[in-house]
């Protein structure tokens, strides 16, 4: 059974993108041009472009045309995976920059969430994660030293905090929430955000050895990141 005509147009566009002939921001041929090339009605072309737009492959700008969209990097929520593993699995290049790592003191709010006494010593780290040289996640994490006493001495340019914690403090339980939040100036600069661009923030708390092991705030650029899940 032959594929419908609109699917052939979608496949044509996707093939050009995957081959690198059309990159992010490049304009694709107009509906009229594609209709002539494939000898189909404009309605058929319109369906192909609409579907690719809804799939976030293309973006359509009224009065200007249709363009290759900026890719949205995906994170899976069901499985707790290291961001480095996700990036490598996509065939992309991963690197990290450690902004801060060391000892800290739990204030009243953090102590309540970590289920420790206010004033207790904890570890604190900030790591910026890159995909193909582009920052895609700012990770701020607080760690219970009881479950990971060597946390602050790790080189998180070679392994991620998640990979290390999964190894030394096997997960028993995870809870998380996702919010769209405005970033402060420092976060905006680190993630190279546009002035009004929101962040997708994953707040995650993990347990190990029957106690809270870590709390992490993971900040992602809203325009180039999305979360997915499947069961």
C-alpha atoms as a PDB file:
ATOM      1  CA  UNK A   1       0.000   0.000   0.000  1.00  0.00           C
ATOM      2  CA  UNK A   2       1.445   3.342  -1.042  1.00  0.00           C
ATOM      3  CA  UNK A   3       2.029   5.999   1.598  1.00  0.00           C
ATOM      4  CA  UNK A   4      -0.220   9.078   1.326  1.00  0.00           C
ATOM      5  CA  UNK A   5       1.177  12.025  -0.618  1.00  0.00           C
ATOM      6  CA  UNK A   6       1.541  14.246   2.445  1.00  0.00           C
ATOM      7  CA  UNK A   7       3.745  11.580   4.096  1.00  0.00           C
ATOM      8  CA  UNK A   8       6.064  11.666   1.084  1.00  0.00           C
ATOM      9  CA  UNK A   9       6.488  15.419   1.552  1.00  0.00           C
ATOM     10  CA  UNK A  10       7.192  14.934   5.265  1.00  0.00           C
ATOM     11  CA  UNK A  11       9.785  12.268   4.463  1.00  0.00           C
ATOM     12  CA  UNK A  12      11.399  14.568   1.881  1.00  0.00           C
ATOM     13  CA  UNK A  13      11.748  17.405   4.401  1.00  0.00           C
ATOM     14  CA  UNK A  14      12.973  15.126   7.189  1.00  0.00           C
ATOM     15  CA  UNK A  15      15.571  13.556   4.891  1.00  0.00           C
ATOM     16  CA  UNK A  16      17.009  16.991   4.026  1.00  0.00           C
ATOM     17  CA  UNK A  17      17.192  17.923   7.719  1.00  0.00           C
ATOM     18  CA  UNK A  18      18.767  14.642   8.806  1.00  0.00           C
ATOM     19  CA  UNK A  19      21.319  14.884   5.991  1.00  0.00           C
ATOM     20  CA  UNK A  20      22.327  18.330   7.222  1.00  0.00           C
ATOM     21  CA  UNK A  21      21.235  20.081   4.030  1.00  0.00           C
ATOM     22  CA  UNK A  22      18.738  22.169   6.010  1.00  0.00           C
ATOM     23  CA  UNK A  23      19.749  23.304   9.469  1.00  0.00           C
ATOM     24  CA  UNK A  24      18.171  25.185  12.322  1.00  0.00           C
ATOM     25  CA  UNK A  25      16.632  28.447  11.084  1.00  0.00           C
ATOM     26  CA  UNK A  26      16.814  27.540   7.388  1.00  0.00           C
ATOM     27  CA  UNK A  27      13.690  28.310   5.391  1.00  0.00           C
ATOM     28  CA  UNK A  28      12.027  25.374   3.657  1.00  0.00           C
ATOM     29  CA  UNK A  29      10.305  25.693   0.274  1.00  0.00           C
ATOM     30  CA  UNK A  30       6.909  27.370   0.246  1.00  0.00           C
ATOM     31  CA  UNK A  31       3.614  25.515  -0.083  1.00  0.00           C
ATOM     32  CA  UNK A  32       3.376  26.575  -3.724  1.00  0.00           C
ATOM     33  CA  UNK A  33       6.911  25.361  -4.497  1.00  0.00           C
ATOM     34  CA  UNK A  34       6.343  22.003  -2.814  1.00  0.00           C
ATOM     35  CA  UNK A  35       2.949  21.596  -4.490  1.00  0.00           C
ATOM     36  CA  UNK A  36       4.573  22.102  -7.905  1.00  0.00           C
ATOM     37  CA  UNK A  37       7.500  19.809  -7.110  1.00  0.00           C
ATOM     38  CA  UNK A  38       5.299  16.952  -5.907  1.00  0.00           C
ATOM     39  CA  UNK A  39       2.415  17.694  -8.268  1.00  0.00           C
ATOM     40  CA  UNK A  40      -0.129  17.789  -5.445  1.00  0.00           C
ATOM     41  CA  UNK A  41      -2.682  20.236  -4.113  1.00  0.00           C
ATOM     42  CA  UNK A  42      -1.600  22.899  -1.639  1.00  0.00           C
ATOM     43  CA  UNK A  43      -3.929  21.286   0.894  1.00  0.00           C
ATOM     44  CA  UNK A  44      -1.717  18.186   0.830  1.00  0.00           C
ATOM     45  CA  UNK A  45       1.420  20.242   1.396  1.00  0.00           C
ATOM     46  CA  UNK A  46      -0.287  22.202   4.141  1.00  0.00           C
ATOM     47  CA  UNK A  47      -1.062  19.000   6.044  1.00  0.00           C
ATOM     48  CA  UNK A  48       2.573  17.873   5.831  1.00  0.00           C
ATOM     49  CA  UNK A  49       3.851  21.226   7.116  1.00  0.00           C
ATOM     50  CA  UNK A  50       1.220  21.396   9.858  1.00  0.00           C
ATOM     51  CA  UNK A  51       2.143  17.933  11.139  1.00  0.00           C
ATOM     52  CA  UNK A  52       5.874  18.694  11.110  1.00  0.00           C
ATOM     53  CA  UNK A  53       5.148  21.920  12.967  1.00  0.00           C
ATOM     54  CA  UNK A  54       3.109  20.112  15.619  1.00  0.00           C
ATOM     55  CA  UNK A  55       5.972  17.609  15.923  1.00  0.00           C
ATOM     56  CA  UNK A  56       8.298  20.607  16.536  1.00  0.00           C
ATOM     57  CA  UNK A  57      10.443  19.825  13.492  1.00  0.00           C
ATOM     58  CA  UNK A  58       9.394  23.055  11.766  1.00  0.00           C
ATOM     59  CA  UNK A  59       8.225  26.449  12.928  1.00  0.00           C
ATOM     60  CA  UNK A  60       5.902  28.659  10.874  1.00  0.00           C
ATOM     61  CA  UNK A  61       6.129  32.448  11.006  1.00  0.00           C
ATOM     62  CA  UNK A  62       3.126  34.289   9.628  1.00  0.00           C
ATOM     63  CA  UNK A  63       4.113  36.449   6.690  1.00  0.00           C
ATOM     64  CA  UNK A  64       7.661  35.064   6.558  1.00  0.00           C
ATOM     65  CA  UNK A  65       7.459  31.349   5.828  1.00  0.00           C
ATOM     66  CA  UNK A  66       8.337  27.986   7.345  1.00  0.00           C
ATOM     67  CA  UNK A  67      11.694  27.278   8.986  1.00  0.00           C
ATOM     68  CA  UNK A  68      13.600  24.388  10.526  1.00  0.00           C
ATOM     69  CA  UNK A  69      12.935  24.574  14.257  1.00  0.00           C
ATOM     70  CA  UNK A  70      15.491  24.600  17.011  1.00  0.00           C
ATOM     71  CA  UNK A  71      15.716  21.037  18.390  1.00  0.00           C
ATOM     72  CA  UNK A  72      14.212  20.425  21.829  1.00  0.00           C
ATOM     73  CA  UNK A  73      16.373  18.043  23.812  1.00  0.00           C
ATOM     74  CA  UNK A  74      14.364  15.482  25.722  1.00  0.00           C
ATOM     75  CA  UNK A  75      14.584  14.101  29.243  1.00  0.00           C
ATOM     76  CA  UNK A  76      12.759  10.965  30.347  1.00  0.00           C
ATOM     77  CA  UNK A  77      10.919  11.219  33.647  1.00  0.00           C
ATOM     78  CA  UNK A  78      10.036   7.602  34.255  1.00  0.00           C
ATOM     79  CA  UNK A  79      13.624   6.383  34.513  1.00  0.00           C
ATOM     80  CA  UNK A  80      16.179   8.344  36.510  1.00  0.00           C
ATOM     81  CA  UNK A  81      18.930   8.654  33.944  1.00  0.00           C
ATOM     82  CA  UNK A  82      22.045  10.746  33.950  1.00  0.00           C
ATOM     83  CA  UNK A  83      21.860  13.682  31.561  1.00  0.00           C
ATOM     84  CA  UNK A  84      25.209  12.617  30.103  1.00  0.00           C
ATOM     85  CA  UNK A  85      23.753   9.203  29.195  1.00  0.00           C
ATOM     86  CA  UNK A  86      20.752  10.871  27.527  1.00  0.00           C
ATOM     87  CA  UNK A  87      22.958  13.187  25.489  1.00  0.00           C
ATOM     88  CA  UNK A  88      25.327  10.422  24.378  1.00  0.00           C
ATOM     89  CA  UNK A  89      22.354   8.198  23.493  1.00  0.00           C
ATOM     90  CA  UNK A  90      21.217  10.922  21.082  1.00  0.00           C
ATOM     91  CA  UNK A  91      24.626  10.756  19.400  1.00  0.00           C
ATOM     92  CA  UNK A  92      25.592  14.177  20.735  1.00  0.00           C
ATOM     93  CA  UNK A  93      28.619  15.445  22.611  1.00  0.00           C
ATOM     94  CA  UNK A  94      28.431  15.927  26.375  1.00  0.00           C
ATOM     95  CA  UNK A  95      30.561  18.029  28.683  1.00  0.00           C
ATOM     96  CA  UNK A  96      30.163  19.628  32.102  1.00  0.00           C
ATOM     97  CA  UNK A  97      31.486  22.637  33.992  1.00  0.00           C
ATOM     98  CA  UNK A  98      31.563  22.518  37.794  1.00  0.00           C
ATOM     99  CA  UNK A  99      30.592  25.949  39.084  1.00  0.00           C
ATOM    100  CA  UNK A 100      30.716  25.111  42.788  1.00  0.00           C
ATOM    101  CA  UNK A 101      31.107  22.147  45.106  1.00  0.00           C
ATOM    102  CA  UNK A 102      31.647  22.111  48.834  1.00  0.00           C
ATOM    103  CA  UNK A 103      30.133  22.010  52.318  1.00  0.00           C
ATOM    104  CA  UNK A 104      27.152  24.078  53.370  1.00  0.00           C
ATOM    105  CA  UNK A 105      24.671  24.387  56.232  1.00  0.00           C
ATOM    106  CA  UNK A 106      20.998  23.484  55.965  1.00  0.00           C
ATOM    107  CA  UNK A 107      18.728  26.427  56.734  1.00  0.00           C
ATOM    108  CA  UNK A 108      15.289  25.816  58.220  1.00  0.00           C
ATOM    109  CA  UNK A 109      13.506  25.374  54.869  1.00  0.00           C
ATOM    110  CA  UNK A 110      16.110  23.048  53.365  1.00  0.00           C
ATOM    111  CA  UNK A 111      16.485  21.119  56.620  1.00  0.00           C
ATOM    112  CA  UNK A 112      12.755  20.390  56.666  1.00  0.00           C
ATOM    113  CA  UNK A 113      12.816  19.094  53.098  1.00  0.00           C
ATOM    114  CA  UNK A 114      15.946  17.012  53.692  1.00  0.00           C
ATOM    115  CA  UNK A 115      14.547  15.770  57.009  1.00  0.00           C
ATOM    116  CA  UNK A 116      17.602  16.849  59.014  1.00  0.00           C
ATOM    117  CA  UNK A 117      18.062  19.354  61.819  1.00  0.00           C
ATOM    118  CA  UNK A 118      18.478  23.026  60.937  1.00  0.00           C
ATOM    119  CA  UNK A 119      22.171  23.865  60.932  1.00  0.00           C
ATOM    120  CA  UNK A 120      23.202  20.370  59.881  1.00  0.00           C
ATOM    121  CA  UNK A 121      26.179  20.117  57.489  1.00  0.00           C
ATOM    122  CA  UNK A 122      25.274  19.181  53.917  1.00  0.00           C
ATOM    123  CA  UNK A 123      27.026  19.201  50.555  1.00  0.00           C
ATOM    124  CA  UNK A 124      26.087  21.697  47.843  1.00  0.00           C
ATOM    125  CA  UNK A 125      27.038  21.631  44.162  1.00  0.00           C
ATOM    126  CA  UNK A 126      26.243  23.565  40.988  1.00  0.00           C
ATOM    127  CA  UNK A 127      27.070  21.969  37.624  1.00  0.00           C
ATOM    128  CA  UNK A 128      26.361  23.281  34.129  1.00  0.00           C
ATOM    129  CA  UNK A 129      25.718  20.537  31.554  1.00  0.00           C
ATOM    130  CA  UNK A 130      26.292  21.038  27.814  1.00  0.00           C
ATOM    131  CA  UNK A 131      24.969  19.287  24.717  1.00  0.00           C
ATOM    132  CA  UNK A 132      27.028  19.960  21.594  1.00  0.00           C
ATOM    133  CA  UNK A 133      28.629  22.965  23.365  1.00  0.00           C
ATOM    134  CA  UNK A 134      25.213  24.451  24.201  1.00  0.00           C
ATOM    135  CA  UNK A 135      24.124  24.689  27.863  1.00  0.00           C
ATOM    136  CA  UNK A 136      20.968  22.632  28.408  1.00  0.00           C
ATOM    137  CA  UNK A 137      20.830  22.117  32.166  1.00  0.00           C
ATOM    138  CA  UNK A 138      21.935  23.985  35.274  1.00  0.00           C
ATOM    139  CA  UNK A 139      21.965  21.531  38.167  1.00  0.00           C
ATOM    140  CA  UNK A 140      21.886  22.745  41.749  1.00  0.00           C
ATOM    141  CA  UNK A 141      22.008  19.909  44.263  1.00  0.00           C
ATOM    142  CA  UNK A 142      22.107  19.417  48.020  1.00  0.00           C
ATOM    143  CA  UNK A 143      23.348  16.064  49.329  1.00  0.00           C
ATOM    144  CA  UNK A 144      23.102  14.338  52.684  1.00  0.00           C
ATOM    145  CA  UNK A 145      26.699  13.506  53.741  1.00  0.00           C
ATOM    146  CA  UNK A 146      25.477  10.498  55.720  1.00  0.00           C
ATOM    147  CA  UNK A 147      24.630   8.620  52.515  1.00  0.00           C
ATOM    148  CA  UNK A 148      27.436  10.084  50.338  1.00  0.00           C
ATOM    149  CA  UNK A 149      30.348  11.164  52.582  1.00  0.00           C
ATOM    150  CA  UNK A 150      32.819  11.548  49.676  1.00  0.00           C
ATOM    151  CA  UNK A 151      30.489  13.593  47.450  1.00  0.00           C
ATOM    152  CA  UNK A 152      32.441  16.870  47.635  1.00  0.00           C
ATOM    153  CA  UNK A 153      35.712  15.219  46.566  1.00  0.00           C
ATOM    154  CA  UNK A 154      34.375  13.899  43.236  1.00  0.00           C
ATOM    155  CA  UNK A 155      35.344  15.214  39.796  1.00  0.00           C
ATOM    156  CA  UNK A 156      31.969  15.879  38.206  1.00  0.00           C
ATOM    157  CA  UNK A 157      33.483  16.634  34.821  1.00  0.00           C
ATOM    158  CA  UNK A 158      34.171  12.886  34.492  1.00  0.00           C
ATOM    159  CA  UNK A 159      30.993  11.561  36.094  1.00  0.00           C
ATOM    160  CA  UNK A 160      27.728  13.307  36.822  1.00  0.00           C
ATOM    161  CA  UNK A 161      26.360  13.777  40.350  1.00  0.00           C
ATOM    162  CA  UNK A 162      23.469  11.498  39.404  1.00  0.00           C
ATOM    163  CA  UNK A 163      25.780   8.695  38.246  1.00  0.00           C
ATOM    164  CA  UNK A 164      27.839   8.939  41.417  1.00  0.00           C
ATOM    165  CA  UNK A 165      24.847   8.977  43.762  1.00  0.00           C
ATOM    166  CA  UNK A 166      23.159   6.028  42.051  1.00  0.00           C
ATOM    167  CA  UNK A 167      26.389   4.077  42.563  1.00  0.00           C
ATOM    168  CA  UNK A 168      27.024   4.900  46.247  1.00  0.00           C
ATOM    169  CA  UNK A 169      23.442   5.472  47.440  1.00  0.00           C
ATOM    170  CA  UNK A 170      21.039   3.182  45.518  1.00  0.00           C
ATOM    171  CA  UNK A 171      17.627   4.779  45.076  1.00  0.00           C
ATOM    172  CA  UNK A 172      14.692   3.663  47.181  1.00  0.00           C
ATOM    173  CA  UNK A 173      12.204   6.382  46.310  1.00  0.00           C
ATOM    174  CA  UNK A 174      11.939   9.464  44.083  1.00  0.00           C
ATOM    175  CA  UNK A 175       9.516  12.373  43.996  1.00  0.00           C
ATOM    176  CA  UNK A 176       9.537  15.314  41.618  1.00  0.00           C
ATOM    177  CA  UNK A 177       7.603  18.277  40.322  1.00  0.00           C
ATOM    178  CA  UNK A 178       8.000  20.372  37.175  1.00  0.00           C
ATOM    179  CA  UNK A 179       7.388  24.107  36.969  1.00  0.00           C
ATOM    180  CA  UNK A 180       7.844  26.872  34.411  1.00  0.00           C
ATOM    181  CA  UNK A 181       9.774  29.610  36.208  1.00  0.00           C
ATOM    182  CA  UNK A 182      11.540  32.848  35.384  1.00  0.00           C
ATOM    183  CA  UNK A 183      15.299  32.623  35.909  1.00  0.00           C
ATOM    184  CA  UNK A 184      17.416  35.070  37.852  1.00  0.00           C
ATOM    185  CA  UNK A 185      20.182  36.973  36.100  1.00  0.00           C
ATOM    186  CA  UNK A 186      22.929  34.461  36.858  1.00  0.00           C
ATOM    187  CA  UNK A 187      20.903  31.484  35.651  1.00  0.00           C
ATOM    188  CA  UNK A 188      19.813  33.387  32.547  1.00  0.00           C
ATOM    189  CA  UNK A 189      23.427  34.162  31.678  1.00  0.00           C
ATOM    190  CA  UNK A 190      24.659  30.608  32.297  1.00  0.00           C
ATOM    191  CA  UNK A 191      21.923  29.059  30.139  1.00  0.00           C
ATOM    192  CA  UNK A 192      22.184  31.811  27.485  1.00  0.00           C
ATOM    193  CA  UNK A 193      18.467  32.585  27.756  1.00  0.00           C
ATOM    194  CA  UNK A 194      16.558  35.257  25.915  1.00  0.00           C
ATOM    195  CA  UNK A 195      15.343  38.087  28.135  1.00  0.00           C
ATOM    196  CA  UNK A 196      11.786  36.785  28.564  1.00  0.00           C
ATOM    197  CA  UNK A 197      12.450  33.074  28.091  1.00  0.00           C
ATOM    198  CA  UNK A 198      11.097  30.851  30.908  1.00  0.00           C
ATOM    199  CA  UNK A 199      12.836  27.819  32.330  1.00  0.00           C
ATOM    200  CA  UNK A 200      11.486  24.326  32.818  1.00  0.00           C
ATOM    201  CA  UNK A 201      12.569  23.414  36.337  1.00  0.00           C
ATOM    202  CA  UNK A 202      12.570  19.846  37.627  1.00  0.00           C
ATOM    203  CA  UNK A 203      12.670  19.719  41.430  1.00  0.00           C
ATOM    204  CA  UNK A 204      13.627  16.182  42.491  1.00  0.00           C
ATOM    205  CA  UNK A 205      14.064  14.580  45.914  1.00  0.00           C
ATOM    206  CA  UNK A 206      15.550  11.102  46.280  1.00  0.00           C
ATOM    207  CA  UNK A 207      15.770   8.653  49.170  1.00  0.00           C
ATOM    208  CA  UNK A 208      18.411   6.032  49.975  1.00  0.00           C
ATOM    209  CA  UNK A 209      19.087   4.023  53.117  1.00  0.00           C
ATOM    210  CA  UNK A 210      15.636   5.090  54.386  1.00  0.00           C
ATOM    211  CA  UNK A 211      16.527   8.800  54.411  1.00  0.00           C
ATOM    212  CA  UNK A 212      16.606  11.723  52.016  1.00  0.00           C
ATOM    213  CA  UNK A 213      19.786  11.416  49.947  1.00  0.00           C
ATOM    214  CA  UNK A 214      19.607  14.522  47.770  1.00  0.00           C
ATOM    215  CA  UNK A 215      17.498  17.393  46.550  1.00  0.00           C
ATOM    216  CA  UNK A 216      18.127  18.838  43.098  1.00  0.00           C
ATOM    217  CA  UNK A 217      16.793  21.772  41.122  1.00  0.00           C
ATOM    218  CA  UNK A 218      17.435  21.160  37.415  1.00  0.00           C
ATOM    219  CA  UNK A 219      16.959  24.294  35.280  1.00  0.00           C
ATOM    220  CA  UNK A 220      16.415  23.898  31.522  1.00  0.00           C
ATOM    221  CA  UNK A 221      15.905  26.490  28.744  1.00  0.00           C
ATOM    222  CA  UNK A 222      12.217  26.405  27.883  1.00  0.00           C
ATOM    223  CA  UNK A 223      12.829  26.927  24.159  1.00  0.00           C
ATOM    224  CA  UNK A 224      15.151  23.963  23.669  1.00  0.00           C
ATOM    225  CA  UNK A 225      14.214  21.310  26.206  1.00  0.00           C
ATOM    226  CA  UNK A 226      11.215  19.134  26.942  1.00  0.00           C
ATOM    227  CA  UNK A 227      10.372  16.264  29.264  1.00  0.00           C
ATOM    228  CA  UNK A 228       8.848  13.028  28.035  1.00  0.00           C
ATOM    229  CA  UNK A 229       7.596   9.903  29.741  1.00  0.00           C
ATOM    230  CA  UNK A 230       6.273   6.457  28.927  1.00  0.00           C
ATOM    231  CA  UNK A 231       5.213   3.414  30.879  1.00  0.00           C
END
